[in-house]
Amino acid sequence: MMMGAHFAPRARDHVTSADVVFVAVSDAVVERWVQRMHADVRSLQPHYREGRSRHETYADMVATVLDAVRSGLDVCCVFYGHPGVFATVAHRAIESARREGFEAVMEPGISAADCLYADLGVDPGEVGCQHYEASQFMFYKRQLDPSAWLVLWQVGVAGVRDTGRFNNTAHERSLLVEKLALDYPLPHVVTLYEAATLPHLQPRIERLPLSGLVEATLSQQTTLAVPPVAALQRDVDMLRRLAGPGASGERIRAI
């Protein structure tokens, strides 16, 4: 996520030892930084175009990478954050390469979620944490647990059905708020989060009421973090069964 600081030694070895390096990062500074490590670095970003379906863009990216693999080159692809988190191209390229008999591996990296846990002080093991892509959350019926954290990814394009558009409208955001309001009160304070990608930058941590999401400034990188609004409810029957036959009520209540 943060240029240089979050780049692990094994990942660096893959870059420096490859025959060709493809980069899929939206920051030109990061692209130039990768170019200093290898003589043949090729950007996949030109495949993105306003008004063009992201599905077509992803397919072309995978085809570009696989063409290089099929030509006999040792190929490395560098992605933003963790290469397996919200990175369709990485998964499809690896699946395609393996299906054709090529060796393909993915090195884990630091994702926006890892940065969010650190910057917001969220421990997903404390009360739990549910993650959804924001549009998927809107398009499908999901049952939320308001006693756990909720993290919605790519909230800046939530509700966008035209995959060639890179920003949502106030109407689309209002429908997202309407759906969230089924489980959270409108005054409930939520956080807009964007991880820092350069050492001199600070993460975006903007707290506002849920109702303020409609008019907020959002980007494709914006993540919405919604803290719990309800307390955990004990499953008394399960606790009784775990305590074993003959356990006293006092023991069960003390758990």
Protein backbone atom coordinates (compact mmCIF):
# COMPACT_ATOMS: atom_id res chain seq x y z
CA MET A 1 0.00 0.00 0.00
CA MET A 2 2.73 2.46 0.97
CA MET A 3 5.43 2.74 -1.68
CA GLY A 4 8.62 1.00 -0.58
CA ALA A 5 7.63 0.61 3.07
CA HIS A 6 5.20 -2.25 2.45
CA PHE A 7 7.25 -4.00 -0.24
CA ALA A 8 8.41 -7.36 1.13
CA PRO A 9 11.81 -8.91 0.19
CA ARG A 10 10.27 -11.90 -1.62
CA ALA A 11 8.13 -9.58 -3.74
CA ARG A 12 11.19 -7.50 -4.59
CA ASP A 13 13.04 -10.65 -5.67
CA HIS A 14 10.23 -11.53 -8.06
CA VAL A 15 10.43 -8.08 -9.63
CA THR A 16 14.19 -7.98 -10.04
CA SER A 17 14.53 -11.55 -11.37
CA ALA A 18 11.67 -11.47 -13.92
CA ASP A 19 12.12 -11.05 -17.66
CA VAL A 20 9.25 -8.55 -17.83
CA VAL A 21 7.26 -6.72 -15.15
CA PHE A 22 3.66 -5.56 -15.59
CA VAL A 23 2.30 -2.94 -13.20
CA ALA A 24 -1.36 -2.32 -12.39
CA VAL A 25 -1.20 0.67 -10.07
CA SER A 26 -3.05 3.97 -10.45
CA ASP A 27 -0.22 6.12 -9.08
CA ALA A 28 2.36 7.30 -11.62
CA VAL A 29 4.91 7.85 -8.85
CA VAL A 30 4.66 4.19 -7.83
CA GLU A 31 5.01 3.15 -11.49
CA ARG A 32 8.23 5.15 -11.85
CA TRP A 33 9.53 3.65 -8.59
CA VAL A 34 9.01 0.12 -9.96
CA GLN A 35 10.71 1.14 -13.21
CA ARG A 36 13.88 1.90 -11.26
CA MET A 37 14.07 -1.78 -10.27
CA HIS A 38 13.75 -3.31 -13.75
CA ALA A 39 14.60 -2.40 -17.32
CA ASP A 40 11.36 -3.75 -18.84
CA VAL A 41 8.32 -2.47 -16.90
CA ARG A 42 5.03 -2.26 -18.78
CA SER A 43 1.95 -0.49 -17.46
CA LEU A 44 -1.48 -2.14 -17.63
CA GLN A 45 -3.25 1.15 -16.82
CA PRO A 46 -3.79 2.19 -20.49
CA HIS A 47 -6.40 -0.57 -20.71
CA TYR A 48 -8.64 1.60 -18.50
CA ARG A 49 -10.73 4.11 -20.42
CA GLU A 50 -13.69 6.24 -19.37
CA GLY A 51 -16.90 4.68 -20.61
CA ARG A 52 -15.36 1.26 -21.20
CA SER A 53 -16.61 -1.76 -19.28
CA ARG A 54 -14.22 -2.83 -16.54
CA HIS A 55 -14.94 -6.45 -17.51
CA GLU A 56 -13.45 -5.79 -20.95
CA THR A 57 -10.52 -3.98 -19.37
CA TYR A 58 -9.77 -6.89 -17.03
CA ALA A 59 -10.00 -9.41 -19.88
CA ASP A 60 -7.51 -7.42 -21.96
CA MET A 61 -5.12 -7.13 -19.01
CA VAL A 62 -5.18 -10.88 -18.45
CA ALA A 63 -4.65 -11.50 -22.17
CA THR A 64 -1.66 -9.14 -22.21
CA VAL A 65 -0.03 -10.92 -19.28
CA LEU A 66 -0.76 -14.43 -20.62
CA ASP A 67 0.63 -13.55 -24.06
CA ALA A 68 3.97 -12.78 -22.40
CA VAL A 69 3.84 -16.00 -20.39
CA ARG A 70 3.09 -18.08 -23.48
CA SER A 71 6.06 -16.52 -25.27
CA GLY A 72 8.34 -18.14 -22.71
CA LEU A 73 9.07 -15.10 -20.53
CA ASP A 74 9.32 -15.15 -16.75
CA VAL A 75 6.55 -12.66 -15.93
CA CYS A 76 5.93 -10.67 -12.76
CA CYS A 77 2.83 -8.53 -12.15
CA VAL A 78 2.79 -5.79 -9.52
CA PHE A 79 -0.58 -4.79 -8.08
CA TYR A 80 -1.82 -2.15 -5.66
CA GLY A 81 -1.90 -3.43 -2.07
CA HIS A 82 -2.48 -7.16 -1.65
CA PRO A 83 -2.54 -8.75 -5.14
CA GLY A 84 -5.41 -11.02 -4.14
CA VAL A 85 -7.68 -8.43 -2.52
CA PHE A 86 -10.01 -6.68 -4.97
CA ALA A 87 -7.66 -7.61 -7.79
CA THR A 88 -9.65 -9.57 -10.36
CA VAL A 89 -6.83 -9.54 -12.91
CA ALA A 90 -4.36 -11.21 -10.55
CA HIS A 91 -6.69 -14.11 -9.76
CA ARG A 92 -7.75 -14.62 -13.37
CA ALA A 93 -4.20 -14.46 -14.69
CA ILE A 94 -2.97 -17.04 -12.19
CA GLU A 95 -5.94 -19.34 -12.81
CA SER A 96 -5.43 -19.11 -16.58
CA ALA A 97 -1.70 -19.71 -16.36
CA ARG A 98 -2.10 -22.77 -14.13
CA ARG A 99 -4.85 -24.14 -16.36
CA GLU A 100 -2.44 -23.96 -19.30
CA GLY A 101 0.27 -25.76 -17.33
CA PHE A 102 2.42 -22.81 -16.29
CA GLU A 103 3.72 -22.29 -12.77
CA ALA A 104 2.10 -19.27 -11.12
CA VAL A 105 2.30 -17.97 -7.53
CA MET A 106 0.90 -15.04 -5.59
CA GLU A 107 2.88 -13.27 -2.89
CA PRO A 108 0.71 -11.83 -0.10
CA GLY A 109 0.91 -8.11 0.51
CA ILE A 110 -0.51 -5.45 2.81
CA SER A 111 -4.07 -4.50 1.87
CA ALA A 112 -6.21 -1.48 2.67
CA ALA A 113 -7.92 -3.61 5.32
CA ASP A 114 -4.61 -4.17 7.13
CA CYS A 115 -3.95 -0.43 7.09
CA LEU A 116 -7.49 0.27 8.27
CA TYR A 117 -7.09 -2.03 11.28
CA ALA A 118 -3.92 -0.17 12.26
CA ASP A 119 -5.04 3.40 11.54
CA LEU A 120 -8.52 3.11 13.06
CA GLY A 121 -7.50 0.86 15.94
CA VAL A 122 -9.91 -1.90 14.93
CA ASP A 123 -9.27 -5.45 16.14
CA PRO A 124 -11.43 -7.76 13.96
CA GLY A 125 -11.17 -10.43 16.65
CA GLU A 126 -12.84 -8.30 19.32
CA VAL A 127 -16.45 -8.30 18.10
CA GLY A 128 -15.98 -9.50 14.52
CA CYS A 129 -15.73 -7.70 11.19
CA GLN A 130 -17.84 -8.19 8.06
CA HIS A 131 -16.48 -7.07 4.69
CA TYR A 132 -18.51 -6.48 1.52
CA GLU A 133 -17.90 -4.78 -1.79
CA ALA A 134 -20.33 -1.87 -1.62
CA SER A 135 -22.16 -2.49 -4.91
CA GLN A 136 -22.49 -6.21 -4.20
CA PHE A 137 -23.93 -5.28 -0.82
CA MET A 138 -26.56 -3.16 -2.58
CA PHE A 139 -27.35 -5.60 -5.39
CA TYR A 140 -27.90 -8.64 -3.18
CA LYS A 141 -29.75 -9.38 0.04
CA ARG A 142 -27.18 -9.66 2.84
CA GLN A 143 -27.97 -10.14 6.50
CA LEU A 144 -25.91 -7.73 8.58
CA ASP A 145 -24.78 -8.22 12.16
CA PRO A 146 -24.94 -4.74 13.77
CA SER A 147 -22.93 -6.01 16.75
CA ALA A 148 -19.84 -6.39 14.52
CA TRP A 149 -17.85 -3.89 12.46
CA LEU A 150 -19.01 -3.40 8.87
CA VAL A 151 -16.48 -2.52 6.16
CA LEU A 152 -17.77 -1.58 2.71
CA TRP A 153 -15.13 -1.43 -0.02
CA GLN A 154 -15.22 0.87 -3.06
CA VAL A 155 -18.04 2.94 -1.62
CA GLY A 156 -17.31 5.66 -4.20
CA VAL A 157 -18.77 3.45 -6.94
CA ALA A 158 -21.50 1.85 -4.80
CA GLY A 159 -24.61 1.25 -6.87
CA VAL A 160 -22.95 1.89 -10.23
CA ARG A 161 -24.30 -0.67 -12.70
CA ASP A 162 -22.60 0.87 -15.73
CA THR A 163 -19.10 -0.58 -15.32
CA GLY A 164 -17.65 2.14 -17.50
CA ARG A 165 -18.41 4.81 -14.88
CA PHE A 166 -15.91 5.53 -12.09
CA ASN A 167 -18.03 7.60 -9.68
CA ASN A 168 -21.48 7.17 -8.22
CA THR A 169 -24.21 9.79 -7.94
CA ALA A 170 -25.90 11.31 -4.90
CA HIS A 171 -28.97 9.23 -5.78
CA GLU A 172 -26.99 6.00 -5.72
CA ARG A 173 -25.37 6.96 -2.43
CA SER A 174 -28.78 7.83 -0.97
CA LEU A 175 -29.99 4.33 -1.79
CA LEU A 176 -26.94 2.89 -0.02
CA VAL A 177 -27.73 5.01 3.04
CA GLU A 178 -31.34 3.90 2.87
CA LYS A 179 -30.28 0.25 2.95
CA LEU A 180 -27.80 0.80 5.79
CA ALA A 181 -30.47 2.70 7.75
CA LEU A 182 -32.38 -0.55 8.11
CA ASP A 183 -29.73 -1.59 10.65
CA TYR A 184 -28.05 1.67 11.68
CA PRO A 185 -29.59 5.02 12.78
CA LEU A 186 -28.86 7.95 10.47
CA PRO A 187 -26.91 9.87 13.18
CA HIS A 188 -24.60 6.86 13.70
CA VAL A 189 -21.00 8.04 13.19
CA VAL A 190 -19.16 6.22 10.40
CA THR A 191 -15.66 6.67 8.97
CA LEU A 192 -14.48 7.31 5.42
CA TYR A 193 -11.03 5.79 5.10
CA GLU A 194 -8.25 5.88 2.52
CA ALA A 195 -4.85 4.38 3.29
CA ALA A 196 -1.69 6.45 2.82
CA THR A 197 0.22 5.31 -0.27
CA LEU A 198 3.29 7.55 0.07
CA PRO A 199 5.46 8.01 3.19
CA HIS A 200 4.81 11.77 3.44
CA LEU A 201 1.03 11.39 3.25
CA GLN A 202 -1.46 10.83 6.04
CA PRO A 203 -4.40 8.43 5.74
CA ARG A 204 -7.82 9.92 5.18
CA ILE A 205 -9.87 9.39 8.33
CA GLU A 206 -13.09 11.39 8.05
CA ARG A 207 -15.86 10.77 10.56
CA LEU A 208 -19.41 11.83 9.77
CA PRO A 209 -22.99 10.74 10.45
CA LEU A 210 -24.32 8.00 8.21
CA SER A 211 -26.71 10.53 6.65
CA GLY A 212 -23.71 12.63 5.56
CA LEU A 213 -22.52 9.92 3.19
CA VAL A 214 -24.84 11.19 0.44
CA GLU A 215 -22.98 14.49 0.01
CA ALA A 216 -19.50 13.27 0.99
CA THR A 217 -16.50 13.40 -1.34
CA LEU A 218 -15.72 9.83 -2.39
CA SER A 219 -13.25 8.12 -4.71
CA GLN A 220 -12.73 4.57 -5.91
CA GLN A 221 -10.22 4.11 -3.07
CA THR A 222 -12.64 5.20 -0.31
CA THR A 223 -13.61 2.54 2.22
CA LEU A 224 -16.54 2.94 4.61
CA ALA A 225 -16.06 1.65 8.17
CA VAL A 226 -19.21 1.34 10.27
CA PRO A 227 -18.70 0.61 13.99
CA PRO A 228 -21.07 -1.70 15.89
CA VAL A 229 -24.35 -0.23 17.02
CA ALA A 230 -25.51 -3.16 19.17
CA ALA A 231 -24.02 -5.34 21.89
CA LEU A 232 -23.12 -9.00 21.41
CA GLN A 233 -25.94 -11.33 22.47
CA ARG A 234 -24.99 -14.49 24.37
CA ASP A 235 -26.23 -17.82 23.03
CA VAL A 236 -27.33 -19.18 26.40
CA ASP A 237 -28.32 -22.59 25.04
CA MET A 238 -24.91 -23.12 23.40
CA LEU A 239 -23.12 -21.99 26.58
CA ARG A 240 -25.16 -24.47 28.60
CA ARG A 241 -24.29 -27.31 26.22
CA LEU A 242 -20.60 -26.38 26.26
CA ALA A 243 -20.60 -26.30 30.06
CA GLY A 244 -21.73 -29.92 30.10
CA PRO A 245 -24.49 -31.83 31.93
CA GLY A 246 -25.28 -30.70 35.43
CA ALA A 247 -23.60 -27.28 35.11
CA SER A 248 -25.06 -24.69 37.42
CA GLY A 249 -26.77 -21.55 36.18
CA GLU A 250 -24.18 -19.51 38.06
CA ARG A 251 -21.36 -21.08 36.06
CA ILE A 252 -23.11 -20.43 32.78
CA ARG A 253 -23.80 -16.78 33.64
CA ALA A 254 -20.15 -16.28 34.59
CA ILE A 255 -18.87 -17.33 31.17
